[in-house]
Amino acid sequence: MEQLRALERAKEEIETEHPGYPGAQDTFYIGTLKGVGRIYQQTFIDTYSKVGDGQAL
């Protein structure tokens, strides 16, 4: 959460020429579910359109 606040304060934007290049991707460990195993959240943000998508794996 602290990283998010720092990024919001910075107010810097990445200039991109077309959708999908470059993109920002992150994987975050959520936890473990009994009988399922480890759960991760994977997030991708298209820096051109500022649209993001995330899913739990």
PDB file of N, CA and C in Angstrom:
ATOM      1  N   MET A   1       0.816  -1.197   0.000  1.00  0.00           N
ATOM      2  CA  MET A   1       0.000   0.000   0.000  1.00  0.00           C
ATOM      3  C   MET A   1       0.864   1.268   0.000  1.00  0.00           C
ATOM      4  N   GLU A   2       1.990   1.176   0.722  1.00  0.00           N
ATOM      5  CA  GLU A   2       2.890   2.326   0.782  1.00  0.00           C
ATOM      6  C   GLU A   2       3.477   2.636  -0.599  1.00  0.00           C
ATOM      7  N   GLN A   3       3.763   1.595  -1.387  1.00  0.00           N
ATOM      8  CA  GLN A   3       4.288   1.806  -2.733  1.00  0.00           C
ATOM      9  C   GLN A   3       3.258   2.518  -3.602  1.00  0.00           C
ATOM     10  N   LEU A   4       1.996   2.152  -3.458  1.00  0.00           N
ATOM     11  CA  LEU A   4       0.930   2.787  -4.227  1.00  0.00           C
ATOM     12  C   LEU A   4       0.829   4.261  -3.879  1.00  0.00           C
ATOM     13  N   ARG A   5       0.896   4.586  -2.618  1.00  0.00           N
ATOM     14  CA  ARG A   5       0.838   5.996  -2.201  1.00  0.00           C
ATOM     15  C   ARG A   5       2.020   6.782  -2.760  1.00  0.00           C
ATOM     16  N   ALA A   6       3.198   6.159  -2.740  1.00  0.00           N
ATOM     17  CA  ALA A   6       4.386   6.833  -3.276  1.00  0.00           C
ATOM     18  C   ALA A   6       4.241   7.088  -4.773  1.00  0.00           C
ATOM     19  N   LEU A   7       3.686   6.132  -5.497  1.00  0.00           N
ATOM     20  CA  LEU A   7       3.474   6.314  -6.932  1.00  0.00           C
ATOM     21  C   LEU A   7       2.454   7.408  -7.209  1.00  0.00           C
ATOM     22  N   GLU A   8       1.403   7.469  -6.397  1.00  0.00           N
ATOM     23  CA  GLU A   8       0.392   8.511  -6.583  1.00  0.00           C
ATOM     24  C   GLU A   8       0.987   9.894  -6.330  1.00  0.00           C
ATOM     25  N   ARG A   9       1.890   9.992  -5.385  1.00  0.00           N
ATOM     26  CA  ARG A   9       2.534  11.284  -5.097  1.00  0.00           C
ATOM     27  C   ARG A   9       3.463  11.700  -6.228  1.00  0.00           C
ATOM     28  N   ALA A  10       4.088  10.735  -6.871  1.00  0.00           N
ATOM     29  CA  ALA A  10       5.044  11.038  -7.925  1.00  0.00           C
ATOM     30  C   ALA A  10       4.375  11.672  -9.141  1.00  0.00           C
ATOM     31  N   LYS A  11       3.180  11.222  -9.489  1.00  0.00           N
ATOM     32  CA  LYS A  11       2.412  11.756 -10.619  1.00  0.00           C
ATOM     33  C   LYS A  11       3.179  11.710 -11.936  1.00  0.00           C
ATOM     34  N   GLU A  12       4.058  10.724 -12.082  1.00  0.00           N
ATOM     35  CA  GLU A  12       4.785  10.564 -13.335  1.00  0.00           C
ATOM     36  C   GLU A  12       4.026   9.593 -14.223  1.00  0.00           C
ATOM     37  N   GLU A  13       4.078   9.821 -15.520  1.00  0.00           N
ATOM     38  CA  GLU A  13       3.420   8.940 -16.472  1.00  0.00           C
ATOM     39  C   GLU A  13       4.444   8.403 -17.460  1.00  0.00           C
ATOM     40  N   ILE A  14       4.205   7.169 -17.890  1.00  0.00           N
ATOM     41  CA  ILE A  14       5.054   6.549 -18.887  1.00  0.00           C
ATOM     42  C   ILE A  14       4.477   6.873 -20.255  1.00  0.00           C
ATOM     43  N   GLU A  15       5.294   7.436 -21.124  1.00  0.00           N
ATOM     44  CA  GLU A  15       4.829   7.734 -22.479  1.00  0.00           C
ATOM     45  C   GLU A  15       5.017   6.502 -23.354  1.00  0.00           C
ATOM     46  N   THR A  16       3.945   6.089 -24.038  1.00  0.00           N
ATOM     47  CA  THR A  16       4.013   4.921 -24.910  1.00  0.00           C
ATOM     48  C   THR A  16       3.454   5.265 -26.278  1.00  0.00           C
ATOM     49  N   GLU A  17       3.937   4.560 -27.288  1.00  0.00           N
ATOM     50  CA  GLU A  17       3.545   4.858 -28.660  1.00  0.00           C
ATOM     51  C   GLU A  17       2.321   4.082 -29.130  1.00  0.00           C
ATOM     52  N   HIS A  18       2.087   2.890 -28.572  1.00  0.00           N
ATOM     53  CA  HIS A  18       0.941   2.091 -28.984  1.00  0.00           C
ATOM     54  C   HIS A  18       0.532   1.123 -27.868  1.00  0.00           C
ATOM     55  N   PRO A  19      -0.708   0.617 -27.903  1.00  0.00           N
ATOM     56  CA  PRO A  19      -1.207  -0.277 -26.857  1.00  0.00           C
ATOM     57  C   PRO A  19      -0.349  -1.531 -26.699  1.00  0.00           C
ATOM     58  N   GLY A  20      -0.171  -1.955 -25.464  1.00  0.00           N
ATOM     59  CA  GLY A  20       0.540  -3.185 -25.169  1.00  0.00           C
ATOM     60  C   GLY A  20       2.048  -3.061 -25.067  1.00  0.00           C
ATOM     61  N   TYR A  21       2.587  -1.878 -25.371  1.00  0.00           N
ATOM     62  CA  TYR A  21       4.034  -1.710 -25.303  1.00  0.00           C
ATOM     63  C   TYR A  21       4.381  -0.376 -24.675  1.00  0.00           C
ATOM     64  N   PRO A  22       5.067  -0.301 -23.603  1.00  0.00           N
ATOM     65  CA  PRO A  22       5.302  -1.404 -22.683  1.00  0.00           C
ATOM     66  C   PRO A  22       4.122  -1.582 -21.760  1.00  0.00           C
ATOM     67  N   GLY A  23       4.084  -2.697 -21.110  1.00  0.00           N
ATOM     68  CA  GLY A  23       3.049  -2.976 -20.117  1.00  0.00           C
ATOM     69  C   GLY A  23       3.698  -3.160 -18.760  1.00  0.00           C
ATOM     70  N   ALA A  24       2.913  -3.029 -17.728  1.00  0.00           N
ATOM     71  CA  ALA A  24       3.399  -3.233 -16.367  1.00  0.00           C
ATOM     72  C   ALA A  24       2.733  -4.487 -15.818  1.00  0.00           C
ATOM     73  N   GLN A  25       3.533  -5.398 -15.303  1.00  0.00           N
ATOM     74  CA  GLN A  25       3.011  -6.670 -14.810  1.00  0.00           C
ATOM     75  C   GLN A  25       3.565  -6.938 -13.425  1.00  0.00           C
ATOM     76  N   ASP A  26       2.709  -7.521 -12.557  1.00  0.00           N
ATOM     77  CA  ASP A  26       3.127  -7.850 -11.200  1.00  0.00           C
ATOM     78  C   ASP A  26       2.418  -9.116 -10.754  1.00  0.00           C
ATOM     79  N   THR A  27       3.088  -9.911  -9.955  1.00  0.00           N
ATOM     80  CA  THR A  27       2.488 -11.098  -9.360  1.00  0.00           C
ATOM     81  C   THR A  27       2.628 -10.976  -7.850  1.00  0.00           C
ATOM     82  N   PHE A  28       1.520 -11.205  -7.135  1.00  0.00           N
ATOM     83  CA  PHE A  28       1.465 -11.014  -5.692  1.00  0.00           C
ATOM     84  C   PHE A  28       0.959 -12.285  -5.033  1.00  0.00           C
ATOM     85  N   TYR A  29       1.668 -12.782  -4.040  1.00  0.00           N
ATOM     86  CA  TYR A  29       1.243 -13.968  -3.299  1.00  0.00           C
ATOM     87  C   TYR A  29       0.116 -13.586  -2.346  1.00  0.00           C
ATOM     88  N   ILE A  30      -1.036 -14.240  -2.489  1.00  0.00           N
ATOM     89  CA  ILE A  30      -2.192 -13.949  -1.635  1.00  0.00           C
ATOM     90  C   ILE A  30      -2.184 -14.823  -0.393  1.00  0.00           C
ATOM     91  N   GLY A  31      -2.008 -16.125  -0.574  1.00  0.00           N
ATOM     92  CA  GLY A  31      -2.010 -17.039   0.569  1.00  0.00           C
ATOM     93  C   GLY A  31      -2.205 -18.468   0.099  1.00  0.00           C
ATOM     94  N   THR A  32      -2.551 -19.339   1.042  1.00  0.00           N
ATOM     95  CA  THR A  32      -2.751 -20.753   0.748  1.00  0.00           C
ATOM     96  C   THR A  32      -4.152 -21.168   1.163  1.00  0.00           C
ATOM     97  N   LEU A  33      -4.834 -21.890   0.283  1.00  0.00           N
ATOM     98  CA  LEU A  33      -6.150 -22.451   0.597  1.00  0.00           C
ATOM     99  C   LEU A  33      -5.999 -23.954   0.799  1.00  0.00           C
ATOM    100  N   LYS A  34      -6.554 -24.428   1.891  1.00  0.00           N
ATOM    101  CA  LYS A  34      -6.477 -25.856   2.196  1.00  0.00           C
ATOM    102  C   LYS A  34      -7.162 -26.650   1.088  1.00  0.00           C
ATOM    103  N   GLY A  35      -6.469 -27.637   0.559  1.00  0.00           N
ATOM    104  CA  GLY A  35      -7.013 -28.462  -0.507  1.00  0.00           C
ATOM    105  C   GLY A  35      -6.819 -27.887  -1.898  1.00  0.00           C
ATOM    106  N   VAL A  36      -6.380 -26.629  -1.980  1.00  0.00           N
ATOM    107  CA  VAL A  36      -6.149 -25.986  -3.282  1.00  0.00           C
ATOM    108  C   VAL A  36      -4.666 -25.705  -3.485  1.00  0.00           C
ATOM    109  N   GLY A  37      -4.035 -25.108  -2.506  1.00  0.00           N
ATOM    110  CA  GLY A  37      -2.618 -24.766  -2.599  1.00  0.00           C
ATOM    111  C   GLY A  37      -2.407 -23.262  -2.572  1.00  0.00           C
ATOM    112  N   ARG A  38      -1.292 -22.848  -3.117  1.00  0.00           N
ATOM    113  CA  ARG A  38      -0.926 -21.429  -3.116  1.00  0.00           C
ATOM    114  C   ARG A  38      -1.791 -20.647  -4.099  1.00  0.00           C
ATOM    115  N   ILE A  39      -2.157 -19.425  -3.698  1.00  0.00           N
ATOM    116  CA  ILE A  39      -2.971 -18.542  -4.535  1.00  0.00           C
ATOM    117  C   ILE A  39      -2.169 -17.263  -4.793  1.00  0.00           C
ATOM    118  N   TYR A  40      -2.072 -16.900  -6.061  1.00  0.00           N
ATOM    119  CA  TYR A  40      -1.364 -15.691  -6.478  1.00  0.00           C
ATOM    120  C   TYR A  40      -2.319 -14.779  -7.247  1.00  0.00           C
ATOM    121  N   GLN A  41      -2.091 -13.475  -7.169  1.00  0.00           N
ATOM    122  CA  GLN A  41      -2.812 -12.509  -8.002  1.00  0.00           C
ATOM    123  C   GLN A  41      -1.830 -12.024  -9.054  1.00  0.00           C
ATOM    124  N   GLN A  42      -2.237 -12.101 -10.300  1.00  0.00           N
ATOM    125  CA  GLN A  42      -1.407 -11.604 -11.395  1.00  0.00           C
ATOM    126  C   GLN A  42      -2.112 -10.394 -12.002  1.00  0.00           C
ATOM    127  N   THR A  43      -1.380  -9.296 -12.134  1.00  0.00           N
ATOM    128  CA  THR A  43      -1.951  -8.041 -12.625  1.00  0.00           C
ATOM    129  C   THR A  43      -1.156  -7.543 -13.817  1.00  0.00           C
ATOM    130  N   PHE A  44      -1.854  -7.047 -14.836  1.00  0.00           N
ATOM    131  CA  PHE A  44      -1.214  -6.436 -16.001  1.00  0.00           C
ATOM    132  C   PHE A  44      -1.897  -5.107 -16.280  1.00  0.00           C
ATOM    133  N   ILE A  45      -1.113  -4.083 -16.528  1.00  0.00           N
ATOM    134  CA  ILE A  45      -1.641  -2.758 -16.862  1.00  0.00           C
ATOM    135  C   ILE A  45      -1.055  -2.334 -18.200  1.00  0.00           C
ATOM    136  N   ASP A  46      -1.927  -1.992 -19.124  1.00  0.00           N
ATOM    137  CA  ASP A  46      -1.498  -1.439 -20.410  1.00  0.00           C
ATOM    138  C   ASP A  46      -1.197   0.036 -20.175  1.00  0.00           C
ATOM    139  N   THR A  47       0.062   0.417 -20.269  1.00  0.00           N
ATOM    140  CA  THR A  47       0.446   1.787 -19.944  1.00  0.00           C
ATOM    141  C   THR A  47       0.003   2.813 -20.983  1.00  0.00           C
ATOM    142  N   TYR A  48      -0.414   2.355 -22.149  1.00  0.00           N
ATOM    143  CA  TYR A  48      -0.912   3.277 -23.183  1.00  0.00           C
ATOM    144  C   TYR A  48      -2.338   3.724 -22.857  1.00  0.00           C
ATOM    145  N   SER A  49      -3.217   2.746 -22.611  1.00  0.00           N
ATOM    146  CA  SER A  49      -4.623   3.071 -22.373  1.00  0.00           C
ATOM    147  C   SER A  49      -4.957   3.207 -20.892  1.00  0.00           C
ATOM    148  N   LYS A  50      -4.009   2.859 -20.006  1.00  0.00           N
ATOM    149  CA  LYS A  50      -4.203   2.915 -18.561  1.00  0.00           C
ATOM    150  C   LYS A  50      -5.301   1.940 -18.100  1.00  0.00           C
ATOM    151  N   VAL A  51      -5.464   0.825 -18.824  1.00  0.00           N
ATOM    152  CA  VAL A  51      -6.443  -0.194 -18.467  1.00  0.00           C
ATOM    153  C   VAL A  51      -5.696  -1.360 -17.821  1.00  0.00           C
ATOM    154  N   GLY A  52      -6.245  -1.876 -16.728  1.00  0.00           N
ATOM    155  CA  GLY A  52      -5.617  -2.990 -16.043  1.00  0.00           C
ATOM    156  C   GLY A  52      -6.515  -4.192 -15.941  1.00  0.00           C
ATOM    157  N   ASP A  53      -5.918  -5.341 -15.760  1.00  0.00           N
ATOM    158  CA  ASP A  53      -6.652  -6.600 -15.605  1.00  0.00           C
ATOM    159  C   ASP A  53      -5.928  -7.433 -14.557  1.00  0.00           C
ATOM    160  N   GLY A  54      -6.673  -8.126 -13.736  1.00  0.00           N
ATOM    161  CA  GLY A  54      -6.066  -8.974 -12.727  1.00  0.00           C
ATOM    162  C   GLY A  54      -6.847 -10.257 -12.573  1.00  0.00           C
ATOM    163  N   GLN A  55      -6.163 -11.311 -12.163  1.00  0.00           N
ATOM    164  CA  GLN A  55      -6.837 -12.568 -11.906  1.00  0.00           C
ATOM    165  C   GLN A  55      -6.083 -13.320 -10.835  1.00  0.00           C
ATOM    166  N   ALA A  56      -6.807 -14.158 -10.111  1.00  0.00           N
ATOM    167  CA  ALA A  56      -6.200 -15.007  -9.075  1.00  0.00           C
ATOM    168  C   ALA A  56      -5.875 -16.354  -9.703  1.00  0.00           C
ATOM    169  N   LEU A  57      -4.679 -16.843  -9.432  1.00  0.00           N
ATOM    170  CA  LEU A  57      -4.217 -18.110  -9.970  1.00  0.00           C
ATOM    171  C   LEU A  57      -3.962 -19.071  -8.840  1.00  0.00           C
TER     172      LEU A  57
END
